[in-house]
Amino acid sequence: MLGLTDEVAIDTLFLGASMEIVKVSPKFQVVIPKKVREELQLKPGQELNVYIMDGTIRFSKPRPITELRGIVKGMKWKDEDRDHSERF
């Protein structure tokens, strides 16, 4: 167990995850480091989702709706989870 006085490189806590340091420009812009761009195969003009989770800024590639097909397969639904009043 790590204590507050233990010195551990922060990148080892993320089990081999890449970690780079960037600065925020006066226009609140950041440059995605080349190593990260290459690993994620990002292209100029590509859109990314930006969100906050647990006080951390996160970026992710948008996934096509076709990838979501079957994502809840096998999930047990209760009758009250379904909307019976509105039908199109």
PDB file of N, CA and C in Angstrom:
ATOM      1  N   MET A   1       0.846  -1.180   0.000  1.00  0.00           N
ATOM      2  CA  MET A   1       0.000   0.000   0.000  1.00  0.00           C
ATOM      3  C   MET A   1       0.885   1.234   0.000  1.00  0.00           C
ATOM      4  N   LEU A   2       0.546   2.210  -0.840  1.00  0.00           N
ATOM      5  CA  LEU A   2       1.327   3.426  -0.943  1.00  0.00           C
ATOM      6  C   LEU A   2       0.897   4.430   0.111  1.00  0.00           C
ATOM      7  N   GLY A   3       1.852   5.000   0.775  1.00  0.00           N
ATOM      8  CA  GLY A   3       1.565   6.055   1.734  1.00  0.00           C
ATOM      9  C   GLY A   3       1.831   7.410   1.113  1.00  0.00           C
ATOM     10  N   LEU A   4       1.515   8.454   1.823  1.00  0.00           N
ATOM     11  CA  LEU A   4       1.717   9.796   1.309  1.00  0.00           C
ATOM     12  C   LEU A   4       3.188  10.138   1.137  1.00  0.00           C
ATOM     13  N   THR A   5       4.062   9.464   1.859  1.00  0.00           N
ATOM     14  CA  THR A   5       5.484   9.768   1.762  1.00  0.00           C
ATOM     15  C   THR A   5       6.196   8.917   0.724  1.00  0.00           C
ATOM     16  N   ASP A   6       5.530   7.910   0.157  1.00  0.00           N
ATOM     17  CA  ASP A   6       6.150   7.056  -0.852  1.00  0.00           C
ATOM     18  C   ASP A   6       6.298   7.827  -2.156  1.00  0.00           C
ATOM     19  N   GLU A   7       7.475   7.716  -2.769  1.00  0.00           N
ATOM     20  CA  GLU A   7       7.712   8.383  -4.046  1.00  0.00           C
ATOM     21  C   GLU A   7       7.538   7.370  -5.165  1.00  0.00           C
ATOM     22  N   VAL A   8       6.542   7.608  -5.997  1.00  0.00           N
ATOM     23  CA  VAL A   8       6.260   6.718  -7.122  1.00  0.00           C
ATOM     24  C   VAL A   8       5.978   7.600  -8.325  1.00  0.00           C
ATOM     25  N   ALA A   9       6.559   7.258  -9.455  1.00  0.00           N
ATOM     26  CA  ALA A   9       6.274   8.021 -10.673  1.00  0.00           C
ATOM     27  C   ALA A   9       4.796   7.883 -10.993  1.00  0.00           C
ATOM     28  N   ILE A  10       4.148   9.016 -11.237  1.00  0.00           N
ATOM     29  CA  ILE A  10       2.701   9.016 -11.453  1.00  0.00           C
ATOM     30  C   ILE A  10       2.306   8.164 -12.649  1.00  0.00           C
ATOM     31  N   ASP A  11       3.147   8.101 -13.699  1.00  0.00           N
ATOM     32  CA  ASP A  11       2.782   7.305 -14.865  1.00  0.00           C
ATOM     33  C   ASP A  11       2.779   5.813 -14.573  1.00  0.00           C
ATOM     34  N   THR A  12       3.498   5.344 -13.544  1.00  0.00           N
ATOM     35  CA  THR A  12       3.451   3.919 -13.204  1.00  0.00           C
ATOM     36  C   THR A  12       2.156   3.566 -12.508  1.00  0.00           C
ATOM     37  N   LEU A  13       1.482   4.557 -11.934  1.00  0.00           N
ATOM     38  CA  LEU A  13       0.194   4.284 -11.301  1.00  0.00           C
ATOM     39  C   LEU A  13      -0.875   3.953 -12.326  1.00  0.00           C
ATOM     40  N   PHE A  14      -0.682   4.369 -13.569  1.00  0.00           N
ATOM     41  CA  PHE A  14      -1.662   4.130 -14.622  1.00  0.00           C
ATOM     42  C   PHE A  14      -1.296   2.927 -15.474  1.00  0.00           C
ATOM     43  N   LEU A  15      -0.473   2.052 -14.943  1.00  0.00           N
ATOM     44  CA  LEU A  15      -0.131   0.769 -15.565  1.00  0.00           C
ATOM     45  C   LEU A  15       0.321   0.907 -17.019  1.00  0.00           C
ATOM     46  N   GLY A  16       1.322   1.727 -17.240  1.00  0.00           N
ATOM     47  CA  GLY A  16       1.907   1.844 -18.563  1.00  0.00           C
ATOM     48  C   GLY A  16       1.205   2.833 -19.470  1.00  0.00           C
ATOM     49  N   ALA A  17       0.235   3.572 -18.979  1.00  0.00           N
ATOM     50  CA  ALA A  17      -0.447   4.557 -19.811  1.00  0.00           C
ATOM     51  C   ALA A  17       0.515   5.674 -20.175  1.00  0.00           C
ATOM     52  N   SER A  18       0.363   6.209 -21.386  1.00  0.00           N
ATOM     53  CA  SER A  18       1.195   7.326 -21.810  1.00  0.00           C
ATOM     54  C   SER A  18       0.788   8.577 -21.056  1.00  0.00           C
ATOM     55  N   MET A  19       1.793   9.364 -20.656  1.00  0.00           N
ATOM     56  CA  MET A  19       1.496  10.609 -19.970  1.00  0.00           C
ATOM     57  C   MET A  19       2.438  11.674 -20.475  1.00  0.00           C
ATOM     58  N   GLU A  20       1.897  12.782 -20.891  1.00  0.00           N
ATOM     59  CA  GLU A  20       2.660  13.915 -21.385  1.00  0.00           C
ATOM     60  C   GLU A  20       2.198  15.159 -20.643  1.00  0.00           C
ATOM     61  N   ILE A  21       3.044  16.162 -20.592  1.00  0.00           N
ATOM     62  CA  ILE A  21       2.674  17.430 -19.970  1.00  0.00           C
ATOM     63  C   ILE A  21       2.506  18.468 -21.074  1.00  0.00           C
ATOM     64  N   VAL A  22       1.415  19.204 -21.027  1.00  0.00           N
ATOM     65  CA  VAL A  22       1.144  20.270 -21.997  1.00  0.00           C
ATOM     66  C   VAL A  22       0.786  21.536 -21.232  1.00  0.00           C
ATOM     67  N   LYS A  23       0.912  22.679 -21.915  1.00  0.00           N
ATOM     68  CA  LYS A  23       0.539  23.958 -21.320  1.00  0.00           C
ATOM     69  C   LYS A  23      -0.715  24.480 -21.993  1.00  0.00           C
ATOM     70  N   VAL A  24      -1.518  25.197 -21.231  1.00  0.00           N
ATOM     71  CA  VAL A  24      -2.706  25.844 -21.765  1.00  0.00           C
ATOM     72  C   VAL A  24      -2.278  27.210 -22.276  1.00  0.00           C
ATOM     73  N   SER A  25      -2.624  27.521 -23.536  1.00  0.00           N
ATOM     74  CA  SER A  25      -2.260  28.805 -24.131  1.00  0.00           C
ATOM     75  C   SER A  25      -3.172  29.908 -23.602  1.00  0.00           C
ATOM     76  N   PRO A  26      -2.836  31.178 -23.864  1.00  0.00           N
ATOM     77  CA  PRO A  26      -3.721  32.273 -23.453  1.00  0.00           C
ATOM     78  C   PRO A  26      -5.130  32.165 -24.053  1.00  0.00           C
ATOM     79  N   LYS A  27      -5.266  31.427 -25.160  1.00  0.00           N
ATOM     80  CA  LYS A  27      -6.580  31.205 -25.778  1.00  0.00           C
ATOM     81  C   LYS A  27      -7.212  29.906 -25.268  1.00  0.00           C
ATOM     82  N   PHE A  28      -6.662  29.326 -24.211  1.00  0.00           N
ATOM     83  CA  PHE A  28      -7.137  28.080 -23.603  1.00  0.00           C
ATOM     84  C   PHE A  28      -7.048  26.906 -24.566  1.00  0.00           C
ATOM     85  N   GLN A  29      -6.010  26.888 -25.393  1.00  0.00           N
ATOM     86  CA  GLN A  29      -5.779  25.791 -26.318  1.00  0.00           C
ATOM     87  C   GLN A  29      -4.622  24.941 -25.796  1.00  0.00           C
ATOM     88  N   VAL A  30      -4.649  23.651 -26.138  1.00  0.00           N
ATOM     89  CA  VAL A  30      -3.539  22.753 -25.820  1.00  0.00           C
ATOM     90  C   VAL A  30      -3.163  22.001 -27.090  1.00  0.00           C
ATOM     91  N   VAL A  31      -1.900  21.614 -27.189  1.00  0.00           N
ATOM     92  CA  VAL A  31      -1.428  20.822 -28.315  1.00  0.00           C
ATOM     93  C   VAL A  31      -1.342  19.371 -27.856  1.00  0.00           C
ATOM     94  N   ILE A  32      -1.953  18.488 -28.624  1.00  0.00           N
ATOM     95  CA  ILE A  32      -1.867  17.059 -28.310  1.00  0.00           C
ATOM     96  C   ILE A  32      -0.486  16.589 -28.756  1.00  0.00           C
ATOM     97  N   PRO A  33       0.316  16.047 -27.844  1.00  0.00           N
ATOM     98  CA  PRO A  33       1.677  15.633 -28.203  1.00  0.00           C
ATOM     99  C   PRO A  33       1.693  14.616 -29.345  1.00  0.00           C
ATOM    100  N   LYS A  34       2.755  14.684 -30.141  1.00  0.00           N
ATOM    101  CA  LYS A  34       2.890  13.828 -31.320  1.00  0.00           C
ATOM    102  C   LYS A  34       2.766  12.349 -30.969  1.00  0.00           C
ATOM    103  N   LYS A  35       3.394  11.943 -29.870  1.00  0.00           N
ATOM    104  CA  LYS A  35       3.349  10.537 -29.451  1.00  0.00           C
ATOM    105  C   LYS A  35       1.897  10.080 -29.241  1.00  0.00           C
ATOM    106  N   VAL A  36       1.083  10.931 -28.623  1.00  0.00           N
ATOM    107  CA  VAL A  36      -0.320  10.601 -28.366  1.00  0.00           C
ATOM    108  C   VAL A  36      -1.114  10.606 -29.668  1.00  0.00           C
ATOM    109  N   ARG A  37      -0.877  11.621 -30.526  1.00  0.00           N
ATOM    110  CA  ARG A  37      -1.579  11.683 -31.826  1.00  0.00           C
ATOM    111  C   ARG A  37      -1.314  10.440 -32.656  1.00  0.00           C
ATOM    112  N   GLU A  38      -0.061  10.001 -32.676  1.00  0.00           N
ATOM    113  CA  GLU A  38       0.286   8.818 -33.468  1.00  0.00           C
ATOM    114  C   GLU A  38      -0.325   7.548 -32.884  1.00  0.00           C
ATOM    115  N   GLU A  39      -0.290   7.426 -31.559  1.00  0.00           N
ATOM    116  CA  GLU A  39      -0.839   6.227 -30.915  1.00  0.00           C
ATOM    117  C   GLU A  39      -2.341   6.107 -31.159  1.00  0.00           C
ATOM    118  N   LEU A  40      -3.044   7.245 -31.147  1.00  0.00           N
ATOM    119  CA  LEU A  40      -4.497   7.237 -31.351  1.00  0.00           C
ATOM    120  C   LEU A  40      -4.894   7.428 -32.809  1.00  0.00           C
ATOM    121  N   GLN A  41      -3.910   7.583 -33.686  1.00  0.00           N
ATOM    122  CA  GLN A  41      -4.132   7.783 -35.118  1.00  0.00           C
ATOM    123  C   GLN A  41      -5.076   8.958 -35.375  1.00  0.00           C
ATOM    124  N   LEU A  42      -4.804  10.081 -34.714  1.00  0.00           N
ATOM    125  CA  LEU A  42      -5.621  11.287 -34.895  1.00  0.00           C
ATOM    126  C   LEU A  42      -5.201  11.996 -36.167  1.00  0.00           C
ATOM    127  N   LYS A  43      -6.165  12.588 -36.837  1.00  0.00           N
ATOM    128  CA  LYS A  43      -5.939  13.320 -38.080  1.00  0.00           C
ATOM    129  C   LYS A  43      -6.354  14.777 -37.899  1.00  0.00           C
ATOM    130  N   PRO A  44      -5.752  15.711 -38.640  1.00  0.00           N
ATOM    131  CA  PRO A  44      -6.173  17.116 -38.558  1.00  0.00           C
ATOM    132  C   PRO A  44      -7.653  17.263 -38.905  1.00  0.00           C
ATOM    133  N   GLY A  45      -8.361  18.062 -38.135  1.00  0.00           N
ATOM    134  CA  GLY A  45      -9.781  18.291 -38.378  1.00  0.00           C
ATOM    135  C   GLY A  45     -10.692  17.245 -37.757  1.00  0.00           C
ATOM    136  N   GLN A  46     -10.125  16.194 -37.189  1.00  0.00           N
ATOM    137  CA  GLN A  46     -10.933  15.143 -36.572  1.00  0.00           C
ATOM    138  C   GLN A  46     -11.608  15.679 -35.315  1.00  0.00           C
ATOM    139  N   GLU A  47     -12.849  15.304 -35.095  1.00  0.00           N
ATOM    140  CA  GLU A  47     -13.583  15.731 -33.914  1.00  0.00           C
ATOM    141  C   GLU A  47     -13.329  14.766 -32.758  1.00  0.00           C
ATOM    142  N   LEU A  48     -13.296  15.325 -31.546  1.00  0.00           N
ATOM    143  CA  LEU A  48     -13.129  14.531 -30.334  1.00  0.00           C
ATOM    144  C   LEU A  48     -14.207  14.918 -29.341  1.00  0.00           C
ATOM    145  N   ASN A  49     -14.643  13.961 -28.548  1.00  0.00           N
ATOM    146  CA  ASN A  49     -15.546  14.255 -27.436  1.00  0.00           C
ATOM    147  C   ASN A  49     -14.690  14.740 -26.275  1.00  0.00           C
ATOM    148  N   VAL A  50     -15.129  15.798 -25.598  1.00  0.00           N
ATOM    149  CA  VAL A  50     -14.438  16.313 -24.421  1.00  0.00           C
ATOM    150  C   VAL A  50     -15.422  16.300 -23.272  1.00  0.00           C
ATOM    151  N   TYR A  51     -15.016  15.698 -22.154  1.00  0.00           N
ATOM    152  CA  TYR A  51     -15.897  15.648 -20.998  1.00  0.00           C
ATOM    153  C   TYR A  51     -15.059  15.611 -19.724  1.00  0.00           C
ATOM    154  N   ILE A  52     -15.717  15.849 -18.619  1.00  0.00           N
ATOM    155  CA  ILE A  52     -15.057  15.833 -17.321  1.00  0.00           C
ATOM    156  C   ILE A  52     -15.559  14.623 -16.550  1.00  0.00           C
ATOM    157  N   MET A  53     -14.615  13.846 -16.000  1.00  0.00           N
ATOM    158  CA  MET A  53     -14.967  12.694 -15.180  1.00  0.00           C
ATOM    159  C   MET A  53     -14.027  12.667 -13.986  1.00  0.00           C
ATOM    160  N   ASP A  54     -14.584  12.669 -12.806  1.00  0.00           N
ATOM    161  CA  ASP A  54     -13.794  12.641 -11.577  1.00  0.00           C
ATOM    162  C   ASP A  54     -12.770  13.767 -11.529  1.00  0.00           C
ATOM    163  N   GLY A  55     -13.163  14.965 -11.989  1.00  0.00           N
ATOM    164  CA  GLY A  55     -12.281  16.123 -11.944  1.00  0.00           C
ATOM    165  C   GLY A  55     -11.162  16.096 -12.961  1.00  0.00           C
ATOM    166  N   THR A  56     -11.273  15.238 -13.971  1.00  0.00           N
ATOM    167  CA  THR A  56     -10.246  15.099 -14.999  1.00  0.00           C
ATOM    168  C   THR A  56     -10.847  15.409 -16.364  1.00  0.00           C
ATOM    169  N   ILE A  57     -10.118  16.161 -17.182  1.00  0.00           N
ATOM    170  CA  ILE A  57     -10.556  16.411 -18.560  1.00  0.00           C
ATOM    171  C   ILE A  57     -10.214  15.169 -19.372  1.00  0.00           C
ATOM    172  N   ARG A  58     -11.186  14.665 -20.099  1.00  0.00           N
ATOM    173  CA  ARG A  58     -10.959  13.475 -20.917  1.00  0.00           C
ATOM    174  C   ARG A  58     -11.377  13.741 -22.358  1.00  0.00           C
ATOM    175  N   PHE A  59     -10.640  13.158 -23.281  1.00  0.00           N
ATOM    176  CA  PHE A  59     -10.940  13.225 -24.701  1.00  0.00           C
ATOM    177  C   PHE A  59     -11.186  11.804 -25.186  1.00  0.00           C
ATOM    178  N   SER A  60     -12.116  11.651 -26.095  1.00  0.00           N
ATOM    179  CA  SER A  60     -12.320  10.335 -26.702  1.00  0.00           C
ATOM    180  C   SER A  60     -12.781  10.525 -28.139  1.00  0.00           C
ATOM    181  N   LYS A  61     -12.495   9.525 -28.955  1.00  0.00           N
ATOM    182  CA  LYS A  61     -12.964   9.547 -30.338  1.00  0.00           C
ATOM    183  C   LYS A  61     -14.447   9.210 -30.331  1.00  0.00           C
ATOM    184  N   PRO A  62     -15.248   9.957 -31.097  1.00  0.00           N
ATOM    185  CA  PRO A  62     -16.666   9.579 -31.213  1.00  0.00           C
ATOM    186  C   PRO A  62     -16.787   8.208 -31.875  1.00  0.00           C
ATOM    187  N   ARG A  63     -17.710   7.409 -31.373  1.00  0.00           N
ATOM    188  CA  ARG A  63     -17.934   6.084 -31.952  1.00  0.00           C
ATOM    189  C   ARG A  63     -19.173   6.126 -32.825  1.00  0.00           C
ATOM    190  N   PRO A  64     -19.142   5.448 -33.969  1.00  0.00           N
ATOM    191  CA  PRO A  64     -20.331   5.404 -34.811  1.00  0.00           C
ATOM    192  C   PRO A  64     -21.462   4.658 -34.104  1.00  0.00           C
ATOM    193  N   ILE A  65     -22.678   5.035 -34.396  1.00  0.00           N
ATOM    194  CA  ILE A  65     -23.845   4.432 -33.754  1.00  0.00           C
ATOM    195  C   ILE A  65     -23.897   2.932 -34.005  1.00  0.00           C
ATOM    196  N   THR A  66     -23.326   2.473 -35.113  1.00  0.00           N
ATOM    197  CA  THR A  66     -23.348   1.047 -35.427  1.00  0.00           C
ATOM    198  C   THR A  66     -22.548   0.228 -34.411  1.00  0.00           C
ATOM    199  N   GLU A  67     -21.556   0.852 -33.759  1.00  0.00           N
ATOM    200  CA  GLU A  67     -20.786   0.133 -32.738  1.00  0.00           C
ATOM    201  C   GLU A  67     -21.599  -0.107 -31.474  1.00  0.00           C
ATOM    202  N   LEU A  68     -22.662   0.654 -31.294  1.00  0.00           N
ATOM    203  CA  LEU A  68     -23.471   0.517 -30.090  1.00  0.00           C
ATOM    204  C   LEU A  68     -24.503  -0.606 -30.194  1.00  0.00           C
ATOM    205  N   ARG A  69     -24.692  -1.149 -31.386  1.00  0.00           N
ATOM    206  CA  ARG A  69     -25.662  -2.219 -31.572  1.00  0.00           C
ATOM    207  C   ARG A  69     -25.299  -3.415 -30.702  1.00  0.00           C
ATOM    208  N   GLY A  70     -26.251  -3.861 -29.912  1.00  0.00           N
ATOM    209  CA  GLY A  70     -26.064  -5.026 -29.059  1.00  0.00           C
ATOM    210  C   GLY A  70     -25.343  -4.739 -27.759  1.00  0.00           C
ATOM    211  N   ILE A  71     -25.123  -3.469 -27.440  1.00  0.00           N
ATOM    212  CA  ILE A  71     -24.361  -3.123 -26.243  1.00  0.00           C
ATOM    213  C   ILE A  71     -25.062  -3.561 -24.958  1.00  0.00           C
ATOM    214  N   VAL A  72     -26.389  -3.643 -24.978  1.00  0.00           N
ATOM    215  CA  VAL A  72     -27.126  -4.046 -23.775  1.00  0.00           C
ATOM    216  C   VAL A  72     -27.711  -5.446 -23.915  1.00  0.00           C
ATOM    217  N   LYS A  73     -27.200  -6.212 -24.852  1.00  0.00           N
ATOM    218  CA  LYS A  73     -27.687  -7.569 -25.065  1.00  0.00           C
ATOM    219  C   LYS A  73     -27.513  -8.383 -23.792  1.00  0.00           C
ATOM    220  N   GLY A  74     -28.552  -9.054 -23.393  1.00  0.00           N
ATOM    221  CA  GLY A  74     -28.514  -9.886 -22.203  1.00  0.00           C
ATOM    222  C   GLY A  74     -28.838  -9.143 -20.921  1.00  0.00           C
ATOM    223  N   MET A  75     -29.046  -7.844 -21.023  1.00  0.00           N
ATOM    224  CA  MET A  75     -29.379  -7.073 -19.829  1.00  0.00           C
ATOM    225  C   MET A  75     -30.810  -7.372 -19.410  1.00  0.00           C
ATOM    226  N   LYS A  76     -31.025  -7.535 -18.138  1.00  0.00           N
ATOM    227  CA  LYS A  76     -32.358  -7.821 -17.612  1.00  0.00           C
ATOM    228  C   LYS A  76     -33.115  -6.516 -17.413  1.00  0.00           C
ATOM    229  N   TRP A  77     -34.242  -6.369 -18.090  1.00  0.00           N
ATOM    230  CA  TRP A  77     -35.074  -5.173 -17.986  1.00  0.00           C
ATOM    231  C   TRP A  77     -36.261  -5.458 -17.086  1.00  0.00           C
ATOM    232  N   LYS A  78     -36.554  -4.515 -16.238  1.00  0.00           N
ATOM    233  CA  LYS A  78     -37.759  -4.600 -15.420  1.00  0.00           C
ATOM    234  C   LYS A  78     -38.883  -3.936 -16.192  1.00  0.00           C
ATOM    235  N   ASP A  79     -40.105  -4.357 -15.941  1.00  0.00           N
ATOM    236  CA  ASP A  79     -41.241  -3.799 -16.664  1.00  0.00           C
ATOM    237  C   ASP A  79     -41.369  -2.301 -16.441  1.00  0.00           C
ATOM    238  N   GLU A  80     -41.005  -1.808 -15.252  1.00  0.00           N
ATOM    239  CA  GLU A  80     -41.134  -0.372 -14.989  1.00  0.00           C
ATOM    240  C   GLU A  80     -40.054   0.437 -15.711  1.00  0.00           C
ATOM    241  N   ASP A  81     -39.016  -0.214 -16.253  1.00  0.00           N
ATOM    242  CA  ASP A  81     -37.989   0.484 -17.011  1.00  0.00           C
ATOM    243  C   ASP A  81     -38.491   0.895 -18.394  1.00  0.00           C
ATOM    244  N   ARG A  82     -39.500   0.217 -18.872  1.00  0.00           N
ATOM    245  CA  ARG A  82     -40.031   0.497 -20.204  1.00  0.00           C
ATOM    246  C   ARG A  82     -41.089   1.580 -20.149  1.00  0.00           C
ATOM    247  N   ASP A  83     -41.158   2.379 -21.180  1.00  0.00           N
ATOM    248  CA  ASP A  83     -42.141   3.441 -21.291  1.00  0.00           C
ATOM    249  C   ASP A  83     -43.331   2.906 -22.096  1.00  0.00           C
ATOM    250  N   HIS A  84     -44.430   2.636 -21.413  1.00  0.00           N
ATOM    251  CA  HIS A  84     -45.592   2.084 -22.084  1.00  0.00           C
ATOM    252  C   HIS A  84     -46.572   3.168 -22.538  1.00  0.00           C
ATOM    253  N   SER A  85     -46.417   4.383 -22.038  1.00  0.00           N
ATOM    254  CA  SER A  85     -47.391   5.420 -22.326  1.00  0.00           C
ATOM    255  C   SER A  85     -47.163   6.124 -23.657  1.00  0.00           C
ATOM    256  N   GLU A  86     -45.925   6.223 -24.102  1.00  0.00           N
ATOM    257  CA  GLU A  86     -45.634   6.958 -25.344  1.00  0.00           C
ATOM    258  C   GLU A  86     -45.210   5.997 -26.428  1.00  0.00           C
ATOM    259  N   ARG A  87     -46.014   5.889 -27.424  1.00  0.00           N
ATOM    260  CA  ARG A  87     -45.699   5.054 -28.592  1.00  0.00           C
ATOM    261  C   ARG A  87     -45.820   5.919 -29.832  1.00  0.00           C
ATOM    262  N   PHE A  88     -44.938   5.715 -30.758  1.00  0.00           N
ATOM    263  CA  PHE A  88     -44.976   6.487 -31.996  1.00  0.00           C
ATOM    264  C   PHE A  88     -45.634   5.706 -33.092  1.00  0.00           C
TER     265      PHE A  88
END
